[in-house]
Amino acid sequence: MGITDEFMKEMLGKTKNYCIVTLRDGPNCERQDAEKIIWEHGRRNFALRRDGIMPIVCPFVGESDVAGVEIFDKPVDEVRQLMEDDPAVKEGVLIYRIYRCKSFQGDCLP
């Protein structure tokens, strides 16, 4: 079964704006209480997931210069404020970068 140009155009017209946030170790990632701060960052992420603000969160495991990726269902300005209020960002344990993207509503992890 082939994917036609018409199908692609129709589907692309149904995309929605999202924000992807990448998280990396910040300048204070080695603090003695960093693990406790990351725990509270995780607690906040669970609340954002529950409320549908951040439907996907992917902490990285193993060797990587990226600590995690989060997808937000909010505009960039709101995501920036949410990230500035994050306990790990406030304490310099994590730093972030926001990327605008498009995706299809209803997409999810299997």
PDB file of N, CA and C in Angstrom:
ATOM      1  N   MET A   1       0.846  -1.172   0.000  1.00  0.00           N
ATOM      2  CA  MET A   1       0.000   0.000   0.000  1.00  0.00           C
ATOM      3  C   MET A   1       0.892   1.236   0.000  1.00  0.00           C
ATOM      4  N   GLY A   2       0.705   2.091  -0.972  1.00  0.00           N
ATOM      5  CA  GLY A   2       1.508   3.290  -1.084  1.00  0.00           C
ATOM      6  C   GLY A   2       0.878   4.470  -0.357  1.00  0.00           C
ATOM      7  N   ILE A   3       1.719   5.399  -0.008  1.00  0.00           N
ATOM      8  CA  ILE A   3       1.267   6.645   0.621  1.00  0.00           C
ATOM      9  C   ILE A   3       1.209   7.698  -0.484  1.00  0.00           C
ATOM     10  N   THR A   4       0.027   8.196  -0.763  1.00  0.00           N
ATOM     11  CA  THR A   4      -0.139   9.158  -1.854  1.00  0.00           C
ATOM     12  C   THR A   4       0.208  10.578  -1.385  1.00  0.00           C
ATOM     13  N   ASP A   5       0.471  11.450  -2.346  1.00  0.00           N
ATOM     14  CA  ASP A   5       0.702  12.867  -2.041  1.00  0.00           C
ATOM     15  C   ASP A   5      -0.533  13.479  -1.385  1.00  0.00           C
ATOM     16  N   GLU A   6      -1.694  13.092  -1.849  1.00  0.00           N
ATOM     17  CA  GLU A   6      -2.932  13.629  -1.298  1.00  0.00           C
ATOM     18  C   GLU A   6      -3.083  13.251   0.178  1.00  0.00           C
ATOM     19  N   PHE A   7      -2.791  11.999   0.479  1.00  0.00           N
ATOM     20  CA  PHE A   7      -2.866  11.536   1.862  1.00  0.00           C
ATOM     21  C   PHE A   7      -1.895  12.325   2.738  1.00  0.00           C
ATOM     22  N   MET A   8      -0.667  12.495   2.251  1.00  0.00           N
ATOM     23  CA  MET A   8       0.338  13.227   3.028  1.00  0.00           C
ATOM     24  C   MET A   8      -0.094  14.662   3.278  1.00  0.00           C
ATOM     25  N   LYS A   9      -0.626  15.320   2.243  1.00  0.00           N
ATOM     26  CA  LYS A   9      -1.089  16.705   2.407  1.00  0.00           C
ATOM     27  C   LYS A   9      -2.232  16.791   3.412  1.00  0.00           C
ATOM     28  N   GLU A  10      -3.144  15.848   3.321  1.00  0.00           N
ATOM     29  CA  GLU A  10      -4.264  15.828   4.258  1.00  0.00           C
ATOM     30  C   GLU A  10      -3.757  15.642   5.691  1.00  0.00           C
ATOM     31  N   MET A  11      -2.880  14.693   5.886  1.00  0.00           N
ATOM     32  CA  MET A  11      -2.360  14.410   7.225  1.00  0.00           C
ATOM     33  C   MET A  11      -1.536  15.576   7.773  1.00  0.00           C
ATOM     34  N   LEU A  12      -0.691  16.164   6.947  1.00  0.00           N
ATOM     35  CA  LEU A  12       0.122  17.294   7.401  1.00  0.00           C
ATOM     36  C   LEU A  12      -0.745  18.479   7.810  1.00  0.00           C
ATOM     37  N   GLY A  13      -1.909  18.605   7.194  1.00  0.00           N
ATOM     38  CA  GLY A  13      -2.846  19.653   7.578  1.00  0.00           C
ATOM     39  C   GLY A  13      -3.495  19.404   8.939  1.00  0.00           C
ATOM     40  N   LYS A  14      -3.333  18.214   9.472  1.00  0.00           N
ATOM     41  CA  LYS A  14      -3.918  17.867  10.765  1.00  0.00           C
ATOM     42  C   LYS A  14      -2.916  17.925  11.918  1.00  0.00           C
ATOM     43  N   THR A  15      -1.700  18.366  11.630  1.00  0.00           N
ATOM     44  CA  THR A  15      -0.703  18.412  12.697  1.00  0.00           C
ATOM     45  C   THR A  15      -0.995  19.536  13.671  1.00  0.00           C
ATOM     46  N   LYS A  16      -0.420  19.422  14.849  1.00  0.00           N
ATOM     47  CA  LYS A  16      -0.595  20.397  15.914  1.00  0.00           C
ATOM     48  C   LYS A  16       0.786  20.820  16.413  1.00  0.00           C
ATOM     49  N   ASN A  17       0.893  22.034  16.924  1.00  0.00           N
ATOM     50  CA  ASN A  17       2.157  22.522  17.472  1.00  0.00           C
ATOM     51  C   ASN A  17       2.391  21.965  18.867  1.00  0.00           C
ATOM     52  N   TYR A  18       3.623  21.556  19.110  1.00  0.00           N
ATOM     53  CA  TYR A  18       4.075  21.085  20.417  1.00  0.00           C
ATOM     54  C   TYR A  18       5.453  21.686  20.672  1.00  0.00           C
ATOM     55  N   CYS A  19       5.958  21.474  21.869  1.00  0.00           N
ATOM     56  CA  CYS A  19       7.324  21.866  22.204  1.00  0.00           C
ATOM     57  C   CYS A  19       8.064  20.656  22.745  1.00  0.00           C
ATOM     58  N   ILE A  20       9.258  20.446  22.236  1.00  0.00           N
ATOM     59  CA  ILE A  20      10.148  19.427  22.774  1.00  0.00           C
ATOM     60  C   ILE A  20      11.204  20.146  23.601  1.00  0.00           C
ATOM     61  N   VAL A  21      11.455  19.636  24.796  1.00  0.00           N
ATOM     62  CA  VAL A  21      12.483  20.187  25.671  1.00  0.00           C
ATOM     63  C   VAL A  21      13.560  19.126  25.855  1.00  0.00           C
ATOM     64  N   THR A  22      14.801  19.519  25.640  1.00  0.00           N
ATOM     65  CA  THR A  22      15.913  18.646  25.985  1.00  0.00           C
ATOM     66  C   THR A  22      16.508  19.148  27.292  1.00  0.00           C
ATOM     67  N   LEU A  23      16.877  18.217  28.138  1.00  0.00           N
ATOM     68  CA  LEU A  23      17.492  18.521  29.424  1.00  0.00           C
ATOM     69  C   LEU A  23      18.913  17.974  29.444  1.00  0.00           C
ATOM     70  N   ARG A  24      19.823  18.778  29.966  1.00  0.00           N
ATOM     71  CA  ARG A  24      21.226  18.381  30.108  1.00  0.00           C
ATOM     72  C   ARG A  24      21.680  18.708  31.524  1.00  0.00           C
ATOM     73  N   ASP A  25      22.786  18.098  31.918  1.00  0.00           N
ATOM     74  CA  ASP A  25      23.368  18.426  33.213  1.00  0.00           C
ATOM     75  C   ASP A  25      23.706  19.906  33.258  1.00  0.00           C
ATOM     76  N   GLY A  26      23.347  20.532  34.371  1.00  0.00           N
ATOM     77  CA  GLY A  26      23.645  21.938  34.582  1.00  0.00           C
ATOM     78  C   GLY A  26      24.934  22.116  35.362  1.00  0.00           C
ATOM     79  N   PRO A  27      25.310  23.359  35.623  1.00  0.00           N
ATOM     80  CA  PRO A  27      26.565  23.646  36.317  1.00  0.00           C
ATOM     81  C   PRO A  27      26.604  23.109  37.748  1.00  0.00           C
ATOM     82  N   ASN A  28      25.450  22.847  38.339  1.00  0.00           N
ATOM     83  CA  ASN A  28      25.407  22.342  39.718  1.00  0.00           C
ATOM     84  C   ASN A  28      25.005  20.872  39.799  1.00  0.00           C
ATOM     85  N   CYS A  29      25.209  20.122  38.724  1.00  0.00           N
ATOM     86  CA  CYS A  29      24.751  18.729  38.689  1.00  0.00           C
ATOM     87  C   CYS A  29      25.486  17.834  39.680  1.00  0.00           C
ATOM     88  N   GLU A  30      26.630  18.266  40.169  1.00  0.00           N
ATOM     89  CA  GLU A  30      27.412  17.444  41.100  1.00  0.00           C
ATOM     90  C   GLU A  30      27.141  17.777  42.567  1.00  0.00           C
ATOM     91  N   ARG A  31      26.197  18.668  42.853  1.00  0.00           N
ATOM     92  CA  ARG A  31      25.912  19.016  44.249  1.00  0.00           C
ATOM     93  C   ARG A  31      25.545  17.769  45.043  1.00  0.00           C
ATOM     94  N   GLN A  32      25.798  17.828  46.313  1.00  0.00           N
ATOM     95  CA  GLN A  32      25.497  16.685  47.181  1.00  0.00           C
ATOM     96  C   GLN A  32      24.016  16.354  47.194  1.00  0.00           C
ATOM     97  N   ASP A  33      23.170  17.353  47.099  1.00  0.00           N
ATOM     98  CA  ASP A  33      21.733  17.114  47.163  1.00  0.00           C
ATOM     99  C   ASP A  33      21.077  17.037  45.780  1.00  0.00           C
ATOM    100  N   ALA A  34      21.870  16.829  44.737  1.00  0.00           N
ATOM    101  CA  ALA A  34      21.330  16.790  43.367  1.00  0.00           C
ATOM    102  C   ALA A  34      20.290  15.678  43.200  1.00  0.00           C
ATOM    103  N   GLU A  35      20.523  14.538  43.802  1.00  0.00           N
ATOM    104  CA  GLU A  35      19.580  13.424  43.661  1.00  0.00           C
ATOM    105  C   GLU A  35      18.213  13.790  44.250  1.00  0.00           C
ATOM    106  N   LYS A  36      18.211  14.467  45.380  1.00  0.00           N
ATOM    107  CA  LYS A  36      16.964  14.904  46.011  1.00  0.00           C
ATOM    108  C   LYS A  36      16.247  15.924  45.118  1.00  0.00           C
ATOM    109  N   ILE A  37      17.001  16.824  44.514  1.00  0.00           N
ATOM    110  CA  ILE A  37      16.421  17.839  43.630  1.00  0.00           C
ATOM    111  C   ILE A  37      15.824  17.174  42.383  1.00  0.00           C
ATOM    112  N   ILE A  38      16.537  16.206  41.828  1.00  0.00           N
ATOM    113  CA  ILE A  38      16.033  15.473  40.658  1.00  0.00           C
ATOM    114  C   ILE A  38      14.758  14.706  41.029  1.00  0.00           C
ATOM    115  N   TRP A  39      14.703  14.178  42.239  1.00  0.00           N
ATOM    116  CA  TRP A  39      13.489  13.479  42.692  1.00  0.00           C
ATOM    117  C   TRP A  39      12.290  14.419  42.659  1.00  0.00           C
ATOM    118  N   GLU A  40      12.468  15.649  43.122  1.00  0.00           N
ATOM    119  CA  GLU A  40      11.379  16.626  43.120  1.00  0.00           C
ATOM    120  C   GLU A  40      11.048  17.076  41.697  1.00  0.00           C
ATOM    121  N   HIS A  41      12.050  17.162  40.846  1.00  0.00           N
ATOM    122  CA  HIS A  41      11.837  17.423  39.418  1.00  0.00           C
ATOM    123  C   HIS A  41      10.930  16.321  38.847  1.00  0.00           C
ATOM    124  N   GLY A  42      11.210  15.066  39.207  1.00  0.00           N
ATOM    125  CA  GLY A  42      10.395  13.939  38.746  1.00  0.00           C
ATOM    126  C   GLY A  42       8.969  14.004  39.273  1.00  0.00           C
ATOM    127  N   ARG A  43       8.824  14.395  40.535  1.00  0.00           N
ATOM    128  CA  ARG A  43       7.485  14.535  41.120  1.00  0.00           C
ATOM    129  C   ARG A  43       6.679  15.561  40.322  1.00  0.00           C
ATOM    130  N   ARG A  44       7.327  16.667  39.997  1.00  0.00           N
ATOM    131  CA  ARG A  44       6.671  17.721  39.207  1.00  0.00           C
ATOM    132  C   ARG A  44       6.297  17.197  37.822  1.00  0.00           C
ATOM    133  N   ASN A  45       7.199  16.411  37.214  1.00  0.00           N
ATOM    134  CA  ASN A  45       6.906  15.831  35.901  1.00  0.00           C
ATOM    135  C   ASN A  45       5.682  14.922  35.952  1.00  0.00           C
ATOM    136  N   PHE A  46       5.545  14.138  37.028  1.00  0.00           N
ATOM    137  CA  PHE A  46       4.359  13.291  37.163  1.00  0.00           C
ATOM    138  C   PHE A  46       3.090  14.138  37.192  1.00  0.00           C
ATOM    139  N   ALA A  47       3.140  15.263  37.890  1.00  0.00           N
ATOM    140  CA  ALA A  47       1.965  16.155  37.951  1.00  0.00           C
ATOM    141  C   ALA A  47       1.671  16.759  36.581  1.00  0.00           C
ATOM    142  N   LEU A  48       2.702  17.166  35.844  1.00  0.00           N
ATOM    143  CA  LEU A  48       2.503  17.727  34.507  1.00  0.00           C
ATOM    144  C   LEU A  48       1.942  16.679  33.551  1.00  0.00           C
ATOM    145  N   ARG A  49       2.380  15.428  33.687  1.00  0.00           N
ATOM    146  CA  ARG A  49       1.824  14.328  32.883  1.00  0.00           C
ATOM    147  C   ARG A  49       0.357  14.121  33.229  1.00  0.00           C
ATOM    148  N   ARG A  50       0.080  14.048  34.516  1.00  0.00           N
ATOM    149  CA  ARG A  50      -1.291  13.820  34.984  1.00  0.00           C
ATOM    150  C   ARG A  50      -2.241  14.883  34.439  1.00  0.00           C
ATOM    151  N   ASP A  51      -1.759  16.136  34.377  1.00  0.00           N
ATOM    152  CA  ASP A  51      -2.592  17.252  33.942  1.00  0.00           C
ATOM    153  C   ASP A  51      -2.615  17.433  32.425  1.00  0.00           C
ATOM    154  N   GLY A  52      -1.934  16.565  31.679  1.00  0.00           N
ATOM    155  CA  GLY A  52      -1.944  16.628  30.224  1.00  0.00           C
ATOM    156  C   GLY A  52      -1.079  17.727  29.635  1.00  0.00           C
ATOM    157  N   ILE A  53      -0.280  18.377  30.448  1.00  0.00           N
ATOM    158  CA  ILE A  53       0.582  19.468  29.976  1.00  0.00           C
ATOM    159  C   ILE A  53       1.830  18.911  29.299  1.00  0.00           C
ATOM    160  N   MET A  54       2.338  17.811  29.834  1.00  0.00           N
ATOM    161  CA  MET A  54       3.538  17.170  29.302  1.00  0.00           C
ATOM    162  C   MET A  54       3.220  15.684  29.109  1.00  0.00           C
ATOM    163  N   PRO A  55       2.590  15.336  27.992  1.00  0.00           N
ATOM    164  CA  PRO A  55       2.126  13.961  27.834  1.00  0.00           C
ATOM    165  C   PRO A  55       3.237  12.925  27.690  1.00  0.00           C
ATOM    166  N   ILE A  56       4.427  13.356  27.299  1.00  0.00           N
ATOM    167  CA  ILE A  56       5.528  12.403  27.141  1.00  0.00           C
ATOM    168  C   ILE A  56       6.765  12.940  27.844  1.00  0.00           C
ATOM    169  N   VAL A  57       7.362  12.104  28.680  1.00  0.00           N
ATOM    170  CA  VAL A  57       8.619  12.428  29.348  1.00  0.00           C
ATOM    171  C   VAL A  57       9.524  11.206  29.213  1.00  0.00           C
ATOM    172  N   CYS A  58      10.759  11.446  28.795  1.00  0.00           N
ATOM    173  CA  CYS A  58      11.697  10.356  28.545  1.00  0.00           C
ATOM    174  C   CYS A  58      13.038  10.641  29.211  1.00  0.00           C
ATOM    175  N   PRO A  59      13.225  10.214  30.471  1.00  0.00           N
ATOM    176  CA  PRO A  59      14.550  10.350  31.060  1.00  0.00           C
ATOM    177  C   PRO A  59      15.508   9.381  30.359  1.00  0.00           C
ATOM    178  N   PHE A  60      16.707   9.826  30.081  1.00  0.00           N
ATOM    179  CA  PHE A  60      17.683   8.981  29.401  1.00  0.00           C
ATOM    180  C   PHE A  60      18.401   8.109  30.422  1.00  0.00           C
ATOM    181  N   VAL A  61      18.766   6.931  29.997  1.00  0.00           N
ATOM    182  CA  VAL A  61      19.541   6.020  30.830  1.00  0.00           C
ATOM    183  C   VAL A  61      20.855   5.726  30.127  1.00  0.00           C
ATOM    184  N   GLY A  62      21.891   5.495  30.895  1.00  0.00           N
ATOM    185  CA  GLY A  62      23.192   5.194  30.309  1.00  0.00           C
ATOM    186  C   GLY A  62      23.966   6.450  29.975  1.00  0.00           C
ATOM    187  N   GLU A  63      24.996   6.264  29.219  1.00  0.00           N
ATOM    188  CA  GLU A  63      25.905   7.348  28.848  1.00  0.00           C
ATOM    189  C   GLU A  63      25.281   8.232  27.777  1.00  0.00           C
ATOM    190  N   SER A  64      25.092   9.492  28.108  1.00  0.00           N
ATOM    191  CA  SER A  64      24.575  10.462  27.153  1.00  0.00           C
ATOM    192  C   SER A  64      24.829  11.852  27.699  1.00  0.00           C
ATOM    193  N   ASP A  65      24.971  12.813  26.797  1.00  0.00           N
ATOM    194  CA  ASP A  65      25.090  14.201  27.265  1.00  0.00           C
ATOM    195  C   ASP A  65      23.713  14.842  27.416  1.00  0.00           C
ATOM    196  N   VAL A  66      22.666  14.071  27.138  1.00  0.00           N
ATOM    197  CA  VAL A  66      21.290  14.534  27.327  1.00  0.00           C
ATOM    198  C   VAL A  66      20.700  13.758  28.501  1.00  0.00           C
ATOM    199  N   ALA A  67      20.086  14.469  29.449  1.00  0.00           N
ATOM    200  CA  ALA A  67      19.482  13.824  30.622  1.00  0.00           C
ATOM    201  C   ALA A  67      18.070  13.333  30.327  1.00  0.00           C
ATOM    202  N   GLY A  68      17.386  13.998  29.377  1.00  0.00           N
ATOM    203  CA  GLY A  68      16.034  13.583  29.061  1.00  0.00           C
ATOM    204  C   GLY A  68      15.393  14.468  28.015  1.00  0.00           C
ATOM    205  N   VAL A  69      14.223  14.025  27.562  1.00  0.00           N
ATOM    206  CA  VAL A  69      13.431  14.749  26.575  1.00  0.00           C
ATOM    207  C   VAL A  69      11.998  14.779  27.091  1.00  0.00           C
ATOM    208  N   GLU A  70      11.363  15.929  26.937  1.00  0.00           N
ATOM    209  CA  GLU A  70       9.971  16.097  27.359  1.00  0.00           C
ATOM    210  C   GLU A  70       9.197  16.740  26.214  1.00  0.00           C
ATOM    211  N   ILE A  71       7.963  16.327  26.034  1.00  0.00           N
ATOM    212  CA  ILE A  71       7.104  16.930  25.015  1.00  0.00           C
ATOM    213  C   ILE A  71       5.941  17.606  25.725  1.00  0.00           C
ATOM    214  N   PHE A  72       5.763  18.888  25.425  1.00  0.00           N
ATOM    215  CA  PHE A  72       4.729  19.699  26.064  1.00  0.00           C
ATOM    216  C   PHE A  72       3.630  20.038  25.071  1.00  0.00           C
ATOM    217  N   ASP A  73       2.415  20.071  25.568  1.00  0.00           N
ATOM    218  CA  ASP A  73       1.244  20.474  24.801  1.00  0.00           C
ATOM    219  C   ASP A  73       0.874  21.906  25.197  1.00  0.00           C
ATOM    220  N   LYS A  74       1.850  22.805  25.075  1.00  0.00           N
ATOM    221  CA  LYS A  74       1.679  24.222  25.419  1.00  0.00           C
ATOM    222  C   LYS A  74       2.547  25.061  24.485  1.00  0.00           C
ATOM    223  N   PRO A  75       2.237  26.354  24.341  1.00  0.00           N
ATOM    224  CA  PRO A  75       3.077  27.239  23.534  1.00  0.00           C
ATOM    225  C   PRO A  75       4.426  27.500  24.202  1.00  0.00           C
ATOM    226  N   VAL A  76       5.383  27.953  23.396  1.00  0.00           N
ATOM    227  CA  VAL A  76       6.756  28.154  23.845  1.00  0.00           C
ATOM    228  C   VAL A  76       6.851  29.030  25.091  1.00  0.00           C
ATOM    229  N   ASP A  77       6.149  30.136  25.132  1.00  0.00           N
ATOM    230  CA  ASP A  77       6.247  31.036  26.285  1.00  0.00           C
ATOM    231  C   ASP A  77       5.803  30.345  27.570  1.00  0.00           C
ATOM    232  N   GLU A  78       4.747  29.556  27.504  1.00  0.00           N
ATOM    233  CA  GLU A  78       4.281  28.831  28.683  1.00  0.00           C
ATOM    234  C   GLU A  78       5.268  27.744  29.085  1.00  0.00           C
ATOM    235  N   VAL A  79       5.836  27.064  28.093  1.00  0.00           N
ATOM    236  CA  VAL A  79       6.821  26.022  28.381  1.00  0.00           C
ATOM    237  C   VAL A  79       8.054  26.639  29.031  1.00  0.00           C
ATOM    238  N   ARG A  80       8.485  27.774  28.519  1.00  0.00           N
ATOM    239  CA  ARG A  80       9.647  28.453  29.109  1.00  0.00           C
ATOM    240  C   ARG A  80       9.394  28.772  30.580  1.00  0.00           C
ATOM    241  N   GLN A  81       8.210  29.277  30.901  1.00  0.00           N
ATOM    242  CA  GLN A  81       7.891  29.587  32.302  1.00  0.00           C
ATOM    243  C   GLN A  81       7.826  28.319  33.149  1.00  0.00           C
ATOM    244  N   LEU A  82       7.224  27.272  32.593  1.00  0.00           N
ATOM    245  CA  LEU A  82       7.182  25.998  33.316  1.00  0.00           C
ATOM    246  C   LEU A  82       8.592  25.495  33.612  1.00  0.00           C
ATOM    247  N   MET A  83       9.474  25.615  32.641  1.00  0.00           N
ATOM    248  CA  MET A  83      10.841  25.139  32.845  1.00  0.00           C
ATOM    249  C   MET A  83      11.595  26.015  33.843  1.00  0.00           C
ATOM    250  N   GLU A  84      11.369  27.301  33.806  1.00  0.00           N
ATOM    251  CA  GLU A  84      12.042  28.190  34.758  1.00  0.00           C
ATOM    252  C   GLU A  84      11.588  27.909  36.187  1.00  0.00           C
ATOM    253  N   ASP A  85      10.386  27.375  36.350  1.00  0.00           N
ATOM    254  CA  ASP A  85       9.860  27.032  37.667  1.00  0.00           C
ATOM    255  C   ASP A  85      10.247  25.622  38.119  1.00  0.00           C
ATOM    256  N   ASP A  86      10.896  24.863  37.259  1.00  0.00           N
ATOM    257  CA  ASP A  86      11.297  23.499  37.590  1.00  0.00           C
ATOM    258  C   ASP A  86      12.374  23.532  38.684  1.00  0.00           C
ATOM    259  N   PRO A  87      12.239  22.704  39.722  1.00  0.00           N
ATOM    260  CA  PRO A  87      13.213  22.752  40.820  1.00  0.00           C
ATOM    261  C   PRO A  87      14.648  22.453  40.393  1.00  0.00           C
ATOM    262  N   ALA A  88      14.845  21.536  39.456  1.00  0.00           N
ATOM    263  CA  ALA A  88      16.200  21.194  39.016  1.00  0.00           C
ATOM    264  C   ALA A  88      16.807  22.317  38.175  1.00  0.00           C
ATOM    265  N   VAL A  89      15.990  23.013  37.415  1.00  0.00           N
ATOM    266  CA  VAL A  89      16.474  24.148  36.626  1.00  0.00           C
ATOM    267  C   VAL A  89      16.781  25.318  37.566  1.00  0.00           C
ATOM    268  N   LYS A  90      15.888  25.577  38.503  1.00  0.00           N
ATOM    269  CA  LYS A  90      16.109  26.669  39.463  1.00  0.00           C
ATOM    270  C   LYS A  90      17.435  26.505  40.204  1.00  0.00           C
ATOM    271  N   GLU A  91      17.771  25.265  40.535  1.00  0.00           N
ATOM    272  CA  GLU A  91      18.985  24.990  41.312  1.00  0.00           C
ATOM    273  C   GLU A  91      20.219  24.763  40.438  1.00  0.00           C
ATOM    274  N   GLY A  92      20.054  24.863  39.113  1.00  0.00           N
ATOM    275  CA  GLY A  92      21.196  24.694  38.216  1.00  0.00           C
ATOM    276  C   GLY A  92      21.666  23.258  38.067  1.00  0.00           C
ATOM    277  N   VAL A  93      20.843  22.298  38.506  1.00  0.00           N
ATOM    278  CA  VAL A  93      21.181  20.884  38.358  1.00  0.00           C
ATOM    279  C   VAL A  93      20.956  20.448  36.912  1.00  0.00           C
ATOM    280  N   LEU A  94      19.941  21.020  36.278  1.00  0.00           N
ATOM    281  CA  LEU A  94      19.660  20.763  34.870  1.00  0.00           C
ATOM    282  C   LEU A  94      19.552  22.091  34.124  1.00  0.00           C
ATOM    283  N   ILE A  95      19.889  22.053  32.855  1.00  0.00           N
ATOM    284  CA  ILE A  95      19.621  23.167  31.941  1.00  0.00           C
ATOM    285  C   ILE A  95      18.745  22.612  30.825  1.00  0.00           C
ATOM    286  N   TYR A  96      18.065  23.487  30.117  1.00  0.00           N
ATOM    287  CA  TYR A  96      17.119  23.020  29.105  1.00  0.00           C
ATOM    288  C   TYR A  96      17.223  23.848  27.832  1.00  0.00           C
ATOM    289  N   ARG A  97      16.667  23.275  26.784  1.00  0.00           N
ATOM    290  CA  ARG A  97      16.504  23.977  25.514  1.00  0.00           C
ATOM    291  C   ARG A  97      15.151  23.572  24.940  1.00  0.00           C
ATOM    292  N   ILE A  98      14.433  24.553  24.408  1.00  0.00           N
ATOM    293  CA  ILE A  98      13.095  24.312  23.860  1.00  0.00           C
ATOM    294  C   ILE A  98      13.151  24.325  22.329  1.00  0.00           C
ATOM    295  N   TYR A  99      12.466  23.372  21.722  1.00  0.00           N
ATOM    296  CA  TYR A  99      12.345  23.291  20.270  1.00  0.00           C
ATOM    297  C   TYR A  99      10.863  23.224  19.918  1.00  0.00           C
ATOM    298  N   ARG A 100      10.456  24.019  18.963  1.00  0.00           N
ATOM    299  CA  ARG A 100       9.080  23.927  18.453  1.00  0.00           C
ATOM    300  C   ARG A 100       9.017  22.766  17.477  1.00  0.00           C
ATOM    301  N   CYS A 101       7.899  22.061  17.503  1.00  0.00           N
ATOM    302  CA  CYS A 101       7.723  20.959  16.557  1.00  0.00           C
ATOM    303  C   CYS A 101       6.248  20.789  16.253  1.00  0.00           C
ATOM    304  N   LYS A 102       5.954  19.928  15.311  1.00  0.00           N
ATOM    305  CA  LYS A 102       4.586  19.563  14.965  1.00  0.00           C
ATOM    306  C   LYS A 102       4.481  18.054  15.053  1.00  0.00           C
ATOM    307  N   SER A 103       3.309  17.588  15.413  1.00  0.00           N
ATOM    308  CA  SER A 103       3.048  16.160  15.420  1.00  0.00           C
ATOM    309  C   SER A 103       1.551  15.943  15.263  1.00  0.00           C
ATOM    310  N   PHE A 104       1.160  14.709  15.286  1.00  0.00           N
ATOM    311  CA  PHE A 104      -0.235  14.344  15.104  1.00  0.00           C
ATOM    312  C   PHE A 104      -0.883  14.109  16.455  1.00  0.00           C
ATOM    313  N   GLN A 105      -2.027  14.742  16.687  1.00  0.00           N
ATOM    314  CA  GLN A 105      -2.768  14.517  17.920  1.00  0.00           C
ATOM    315  C   GLN A 105      -3.093  13.036  18.038  1.00  0.00           C
ATOM    316  N   GLY A 106      -2.965  12.534  19.233  1.00  0.00           N
ATOM    317  CA  GLY A 106      -3.275  11.140  19.469  1.00  0.00           C
ATOM    318  C   GLY A 106      -2.087  10.210  19.323  1.00  0.00           C
ATOM    319  N   ASP A 107      -0.964  10.695  18.764  1.00  0.00           N
ATOM    320  CA  ASP A 107       0.226   9.849  18.712  1.00  0.00           C
ATOM    321  C   ASP A 107       0.633   9.507  20.136  1.00  0.00           C
ATOM    322  N   CYS A 108       1.115   8.319  20.334  1.00  0.00           N
ATOM    323  CA  CYS A 108       1.538   7.909  21.679  1.00  0.00           C
ATOM    324  C   CYS A 108       2.576   6.809  21.548  1.00  0.00           C
ATOM    325  N   LEU A 109       3.217   6.528  22.660  1.00  0.00           N
ATOM    326  CA  LEU A 109       4.179   5.433  22.690  1.00  0.00           C
ATOM    327  C   LEU A 109       3.409   4.118  22.759  1.00  0.00           C
ATOM    328  N   PRO A 110       3.933   3.089  22.110  1.00  0.00           N
ATOM    329  CA  PRO A 110       3.239   1.797  22.182  1.00  0.00           C
ATOM    330  C   PRO A 110       3.361   1.171  23.557  1.00  0.00           C
TER     331      PRO A 110
END
